[in-house]
Amino acid sequence: MHMRDFFRSLQFKIFVAIALVMIGLMLRTALGNGNSTVTASVFSTILTPVQRASSSVSNFFYGIFSNISTNEQLHSKNTQLQKTVNQLQSKLVDYNQMQQENEQYQKMYSISQEHSDFKLAPARVISRDSGQWNSAFTIDKGQVDGIKPYEPVITPDGLVGETTEVMFNSSVVTTVLDPTLKMGALVSQTGDLGQVHGDRNLVSQGLLNIDYLPSGSAIANGDIIVTAGRAGVFPANLKIGLVQQVKTQNSGISLYALCKPLVDPTTVKDVSIITDFSGKSNATPSSSSTSSSH
């Protein structure tokens, strides 16, 4: 209750009326004649219940004022507590962001320790393509960061894809699930060469195809597929995925296998772009290069 509303209320008017009556009676008593004792006794009899009522009214309004004061104090405390909560939440967001960045740099360090010839640029996924089969996404690094088209995109677990469209401060990454991205692959356990690529019929299962494997290959489920690295677009021995199933081509001349990528391109958040590596080709791939093995 605000003070202005209180002064306009019926309770306040009653309080004022009672106070005026009491003041009048007390003045009458003070100015009375010689029968002051009798008069005082009479007025005492009259005033006693009035004084009691006045005391009750006074206590009532004291309680109201106390509640008003308490509510104002509580409101002030709640406001201050909310400010403190907001500040702590902001600090928590900053801390989580710093922790994520620290984890990303640690992952980059582990990659650089394993591949000392790699020059890496960290990046974060900022949006994803809504297409059903290409699973492309956009990262927060572009020309201003030295990124160029057709550079490998990886995580510590393996290959994710390559940059295919580079803008000023962002780039589009075509992932290994895209049927247009084809690359030479090697079965690490057997040394057999093949070509790995996405397939529109398999993308919903998150699987890749490995074609042109020799019919006598000893490839088996669980074998690791890595990049061959012969064309200079991808470094050699980047992990791609694990063999899930081996089949014979309809012609019977060769085998093919289904492979599960070690990195899920549809959920990855932090990646690294390999901007340079030993054996990198200086030739810029043509617009049709993503349809050929590299």
Protein backbone atom coordinates (compact mmCIF):
# COMPACT_ATOMS: atom_id res chain seq x y z
CA MET A 1 0.00 0.00 0.00
CA HIS A 2 1.41 3.40 -0.97
CA MET A 3 1.35 6.30 1.52
CA ARG A 4 -0.92 8.43 -0.69
CA ASP A 5 -3.51 5.64 -0.85
CA PHE A 6 -3.32 5.16 2.90
CA PHE A 7 -4.11 8.84 3.67
CA ARG A 8 -7.20 8.56 1.45
CA SER A 9 -8.42 5.35 3.07
CA LEU A 10 -11.40 4.89 5.41
CA GLN A 11 -9.12 3.55 8.15
CA PHE A 12 -7.15 6.80 8.23
CA LYS A 13 -10.32 8.91 8.41
CA ILE A 14 -11.61 6.85 11.34
CA PHE A 15 -8.28 7.21 13.07
CA VAL A 16 -8.35 11.01 12.66
CA ALA A 17 -11.94 11.21 13.96
CA ILE A 18 -11.11 9.21 17.08
CA ALA A 19 -8.00 11.31 17.68
CA LEU A 20 -10.02 14.55 17.46
CA VAL A 21 -12.62 13.24 19.92
CA MET A 22 -9.91 12.29 22.36
CA ILE A 23 -8.21 15.67 22.08
CA GLY A 24 -11.56 17.45 22.69
CA LEU A 25 -12.33 15.39 25.74
CA MET A 26 -8.90 15.96 27.19
CA LEU A 27 -9.24 19.74 26.71
CA ARG A 28 -12.66 19.68 28.33
CA THR A 29 -11.23 17.92 31.30
CA ALA A 30 -8.33 20.33 31.61
CA LEU A 31 -10.65 23.41 31.55
CA GLY A 32 -13.35 22.01 33.86
CA ASN A 33 -14.62 23.67 37.12
CA GLY A 34 -14.06 22.72 40.71
CA ASN A 35 -15.80 19.43 40.30
CA SER A 36 -12.77 18.32 38.40
CA THR A 37 -12.51 15.10 40.34
CA VAL A 38 -16.05 14.06 39.50
CA THR A 39 -15.65 15.32 35.95
CA ALA A 40 -12.33 13.53 35.63
CA SER A 41 -13.91 10.36 36.93
CA VAL A 42 -16.77 10.61 34.45
CA PHE A 43 -14.47 11.36 31.57
CA SER A 44 -12.08 8.66 32.70
CA THR A 45 -14.95 6.21 32.52
CA ILE A 46 -15.79 7.48 29.04
CA LEU A 47 -12.21 7.75 27.83
CA THR A 48 -10.93 4.39 29.02
CA PRO A 49 -12.62 2.34 26.29
CA VAL A 50 -11.85 5.10 23.80
CA GLN A 51 -8.17 5.00 24.79
CA ARG A 52 -8.19 1.25 24.48
CA ALA A 53 -9.74 1.52 21.04
CA SER A 54 -7.22 4.21 20.17
CA SER A 55 -4.39 1.96 21.29
CA SER A 56 -5.75 -0.87 19.15
CA VAL A 57 -6.12 1.44 16.17
CA SER A 58 -2.62 2.77 16.76
CA ASN A 59 -1.20 -0.73 16.91
CA PHE A 60 -3.14 -1.65 13.76
CA PHE A 61 -1.70 1.24 11.78
CA TYR A 62 1.74 0.63 13.24
CA GLY A 63 1.50 -2.88 11.86
CA ILE A 64 0.52 -1.50 8.46
CA PHE A 65 3.46 0.91 8.43
CA SER A 66 5.78 -1.89 9.56
CA ASN A 67 4.52 -4.15 6.77
CA ILE A 68 4.97 -1.36 4.23
CA SER A 69 8.52 -0.79 5.43
CA THR A 70 9.25 -4.54 5.46
CA ASN A 71 7.86 -4.99 1.93
CA GLU A 72 9.98 -2.11 0.65
CA GLN A 73 13.06 -3.65 2.27
CA LEU A 74 12.24 -7.07 0.80
CA HIS A 75 11.72 -5.53 -2.64
CA SER A 76 15.08 -3.78 -2.38
CA LYS A 77 16.79 -6.99 -1.27
CA ASN A 78 15.15 -8.99 -4.06
CA THR A 79 16.29 -6.43 -6.61
CA GLN A 80 19.85 -6.62 -5.30
CA LEU A 81 19.76 -10.42 -5.25
CA GLN A 82 18.52 -10.50 -8.85
CA LYS A 83 21.40 -8.24 -9.89
CA THR A 84 23.82 -10.59 -8.13
CA VAL A 85 22.27 -13.63 -9.85
CA ASN A 86 22.52 -11.92 -13.26
CA GLN A 87 26.18 -11.08 -12.63
CA LEU A 88 26.96 -14.66 -11.58
CA GLN A 89 25.15 -16.07 -14.62
CA SER A 90 27.14 -13.75 -16.90
CA LYS A 91 30.39 -14.87 -15.26
CA LEU A 92 29.33 -18.51 -15.63
CA VAL A 93 28.71 -18.01 -19.37
CA ASP A 94 32.13 -16.38 -19.73
CA TYR A 95 33.73 -19.21 -17.75
CA ASN A 96 32.04 -21.90 -19.88
CA GLN A 97 33.14 -20.14 -23.06
CA MET A 98 36.72 -19.89 -21.81
CA GLN A 99 36.63 -23.55 -20.82
CA GLN A 100 35.39 -24.57 -24.28
CA GLU A 101 38.08 -22.48 -25.96
CA ASN A 102 40.71 -24.01 -23.68
CA GLU A 103 39.51 -27.52 -24.54
CA GLN A 104 39.63 -26.65 -28.24
CA TYR A 105 43.21 -25.38 -27.97
CA GLN A 106 44.20 -28.52 -26.06
CA LYS A 107 42.73 -30.65 -28.85
CA MET A 108 44.59 -28.60 -31.46
CA TYR A 109 47.78 -29.08 -29.49
CA SER A 110 47.27 -32.85 -29.43
CA ILE A 111 46.80 -32.83 -33.23
CA SER A 112 49.90 -30.70 -33.78
CA GLN A 113 51.90 -33.05 -31.56
CA GLU A 114 50.85 -36.00 -33.72
CA HIS A 115 51.23 -34.09 -37.01
CA SER A 116 53.99 -31.53 -36.59
CA ASP A 117 53.68 -30.45 -40.25
CA PHE A 118 50.06 -29.32 -39.84
CA LYS A 119 49.23 -25.63 -39.67
CA LEU A 120 45.86 -25.41 -37.94
CA ALA A 121 43.15 -22.77 -37.55
CA PRO A 122 40.44 -23.38 -34.92
CA ALA A 123 36.82 -22.76 -35.86
CA ARG A 124 33.34 -23.17 -34.46
CA VAL A 125 30.18 -24.30 -36.24
CA ILE A 126 27.72 -21.39 -36.39
CA SER A 127 24.96 -22.82 -38.61
CA ARG A 128 23.95 -25.99 -40.42
CA ASP A 129 22.45 -26.63 -43.84
CA SER A 130 18.83 -27.71 -43.79
CA GLY A 131 19.36 -30.14 -46.68
CA GLN A 132 18.55 -33.78 -46.08
CA TRP A 133 21.64 -35.33 -47.65
CA ASN A 134 24.57 -32.93 -47.79
CA SER A 135 24.94 -32.16 -44.04
CA ALA A 136 27.01 -29.04 -44.82
CA PHE A 137 27.63 -26.45 -42.12
CA THR A 138 29.11 -22.98 -41.77
CA ILE A 139 32.08 -22.09 -39.55
CA ASP A 140 33.16 -18.75 -38.10
CA LYS A 141 36.43 -18.47 -40.03
CA GLY A 142 36.92 -17.07 -43.54
CA GLN A 143 39.20 -15.12 -45.86
CA VAL A 144 40.16 -12.65 -43.16
CA ASP A 145 41.54 -15.61 -41.16
CA GLY A 146 43.54 -16.96 -44.09
CA ILE A 147 41.11 -19.75 -44.94
CA LYS A 148 40.94 -20.92 -48.57
CA PRO A 149 38.65 -23.29 -50.48
CA TYR A 150 39.33 -27.04 -50.42
CA GLU A 151 41.18 -27.15 -47.11
CA PRO A 152 40.65 -30.21 -44.88
CA VAL A 153 38.47 -29.79 -41.80
CA ILE A 154 39.17 -32.15 -38.91
CA THR A 155 38.77 -32.87 -35.20
CA PRO A 156 41.16 -34.92 -33.03
CA ASP A 157 38.99 -37.95 -33.86
CA GLY A 158 39.22 -37.69 -37.62
CA LEU A 159 38.21 -36.05 -40.90
CA VAL A 160 35.00 -34.01 -41.08
CA GLY A 161 35.13 -32.60 -44.61
CA GLU A 162 36.64 -29.69 -46.51
CA THR A 163 35.97 -25.99 -47.04
CA THR A 164 34.17 -25.43 -50.34
CA GLU A 165 32.89 -21.86 -50.14
CA VAL A 166 34.93 -19.20 -48.34
CA MET A 167 33.48 -15.78 -47.51
CA PHE A 168 35.08 -12.82 -45.74
CA ASN A 169 34.57 -14.08 -42.18
CA SER A 170 32.90 -17.47 -42.60
CA SER A 171 33.18 -20.64 -44.67
CA VAL A 172 30.93 -23.48 -45.79
CA VAL A 173 32.19 -26.98 -45.03
CA THR A 174 31.13 -29.89 -47.24
CA THR A 175 31.23 -32.99 -45.05
CA VAL A 176 32.29 -36.56 -45.78
CA LEU A 177 28.61 -37.54 -45.94
CA ASP A 178 28.12 -35.45 -49.08
CA PRO A 179 28.04 -37.62 -52.26
CA THR A 180 29.98 -34.95 -54.16
CA LEU A 181 33.01 -35.23 -51.89
CA LYS A 182 35.12 -38.19 -53.03
CA MET A 183 38.63 -39.01 -51.87
CA GLY A 184 41.22 -41.72 -52.11
CA ALA A 185 41.12 -44.01 -49.08
CA LEU A 186 43.29 -46.70 -47.57
CA VAL A 187 42.34 -49.67 -45.43
CA SER A 188 44.94 -49.31 -42.70
CA GLN A 189 44.93 -53.03 -41.74
CA THR A 190 45.34 -54.39 -45.29
CA GLY A 191 46.82 -51.51 -47.27
CA ASP A 192 44.09 -51.82 -49.93
CA LEU A 193 43.19 -48.65 -51.82
CA GLY A 194 39.65 -47.53 -52.61
CA GLN A 195 37.50 -44.47 -52.98
CA VAL A 196 35.31 -43.22 -50.14
CA HIS A 197 32.27 -40.97 -50.60
CA GLY A 198 28.80 -40.26 -49.29
CA ASP A 199 25.64 -41.81 -50.67
CA ARG A 200 22.16 -40.29 -50.71
CA ASN A 201 20.69 -43.67 -49.79
CA LEU A 202 23.01 -44.00 -46.79
CA VAL A 203 23.15 -40.46 -45.40
CA SER A 204 20.17 -41.02 -43.10
CA GLN A 205 22.16 -43.88 -41.54
CA GLY A 206 25.30 -41.73 -41.33
CA LEU A 207 27.30 -44.18 -43.47
CA LEU A 208 29.86 -43.85 -46.29
CA ASN A 209 30.67 -46.03 -49.29
CA ILE A 210 34.14 -47.40 -50.04
CA ASP A 211 34.32 -48.47 -53.68
CA TYR A 212 36.85 -50.18 -55.96
CA LEU A 213 38.36 -52.50 -53.36
CA PRO A 214 40.15 -55.53 -54.88
CA SER A 215 38.08 -58.70 -54.90
CA GLY A 216 40.72 -60.55 -52.92
CA SER A 217 40.91 -57.92 -50.17
CA ALA A 218 40.99 -59.14 -46.59
CA ILE A 219 39.08 -56.07 -45.41
CA ALA A 220 36.88 -56.84 -42.39
CA ASN A 221 34.41 -55.18 -40.08
CA GLY A 222 36.12 -52.84 -37.63
CA ASP A 223 39.03 -51.98 -39.95
CA ILE A 224 40.07 -48.33 -39.93
CA ILE A 225 39.74 -46.30 -43.13
CA VAL A 226 42.19 -43.41 -43.58
CA THR A 227 42.97 -40.91 -46.33
CA ALA A 228 45.41 -42.03 -49.00
CA GLY A 229 46.77 -38.49 -49.43
CA ARG A 230 48.04 -39.05 -52.95
CA ALA A 231 46.53 -35.97 -54.65
CA GLY A 232 47.86 -33.45 -52.14
CA VAL A 233 44.42 -32.17 -51.14
CA PHE A 234 44.16 -34.26 -47.97
CA PRO A 235 47.14 -35.29 -45.84
CA ALA A 236 47.78 -39.01 -45.71
CA ASN A 237 46.53 -41.13 -42.81
CA LEU A 238 43.71 -38.89 -41.60
CA LYS A 239 41.21 -41.21 -39.95
CA ILE A 240 37.86 -41.33 -41.74
CA GLY A 241 35.86 -44.15 -40.17
CA LEU A 242 35.38 -47.81 -39.32
CA VAL A 243 34.21 -50.56 -41.67
CA GLN A 244 30.69 -51.74 -40.81
CA GLN A 245 29.94 -54.18 -43.64
CA VAL A 246 31.74 -55.66 -46.67
CA LYS A 247 29.88 -56.52 -49.89
CA THR A 248 30.65 -57.69 -53.43
CA GLN A 249 29.87 -55.45 -56.39
CA ASN A 250 27.21 -56.73 -58.80
CA SER A 251 29.94 -57.24 -61.40
CA GLY A 252 31.81 -59.50 -59.00
CA ILE A 253 35.05 -57.83 -60.01
CA SER A 254 35.56 -55.80 -56.84
CA LEU A 255 34.35 -55.30 -53.31
CA TYR A 256 32.80 -52.33 -51.59
CA ALA A 257 32.23 -51.59 -47.94
CA LEU A 258 30.08 -49.43 -45.72
CA CYS A 259 31.96 -47.18 -43.33
CA LYS A 260 30.85 -45.27 -40.23
CA PRO A 261 32.62 -41.88 -39.89
CA LEU A 262 34.56 -41.47 -36.66
CA VAL A 263 33.23 -37.90 -36.43
CA ASP A 264 29.50 -37.24 -36.75
CA PRO A 265 29.29 -34.17 -39.02
CA THR A 266 25.71 -33.51 -37.93
CA THR A 267 26.63 -32.86 -34.29
CA VAL A 268 30.23 -31.59 -34.36
CA LYS A 269 30.68 -28.13 -32.81
CA ASP A 270 34.40 -27.35 -32.81
CA VAL A 271 36.74 -28.12 -35.70
CA SER A 272 40.19 -27.25 -37.03
CA ILE A 273 41.10 -26.30 -40.60
CA ILE A 274 44.40 -27.61 -41.95
CA THR A 275 45.67 -24.56 -43.82
CA ASP A 276 49.02 -26.15 -44.66
CA PHE A 277 50.76 -29.51 -44.43
CA SER A 278 53.71 -31.36 -45.89
CA GLY A 279 52.96 -32.54 -49.43
CA LYS A 280 50.09 -30.12 -49.99
CA SER A 281 49.38 -29.51 -53.66
CA ASN A 282 49.86 -25.92 -54.85
CA ALA A 283 47.32 -26.40 -57.62
CA THR A 284 43.88 -24.92 -56.94
CA PRO A 285 41.20 -27.57 -57.50
CA SER A 286 38.72 -26.81 -60.26
CA SER A 287 35.00 -26.49 -59.64
CA SER A 288 34.59 -30.15 -60.57
CA SER A 289 37.30 -31.41 -58.27
CA THR A 290 34.85 -32.35 -55.57
CA SER A 291 33.46 -34.94 -57.91
CA SER A 292 36.78 -36.65 -58.39
CA SER A 293 38.96 -38.62 -56.04
CA HIS A 294 41.54 -36.67 -54.10
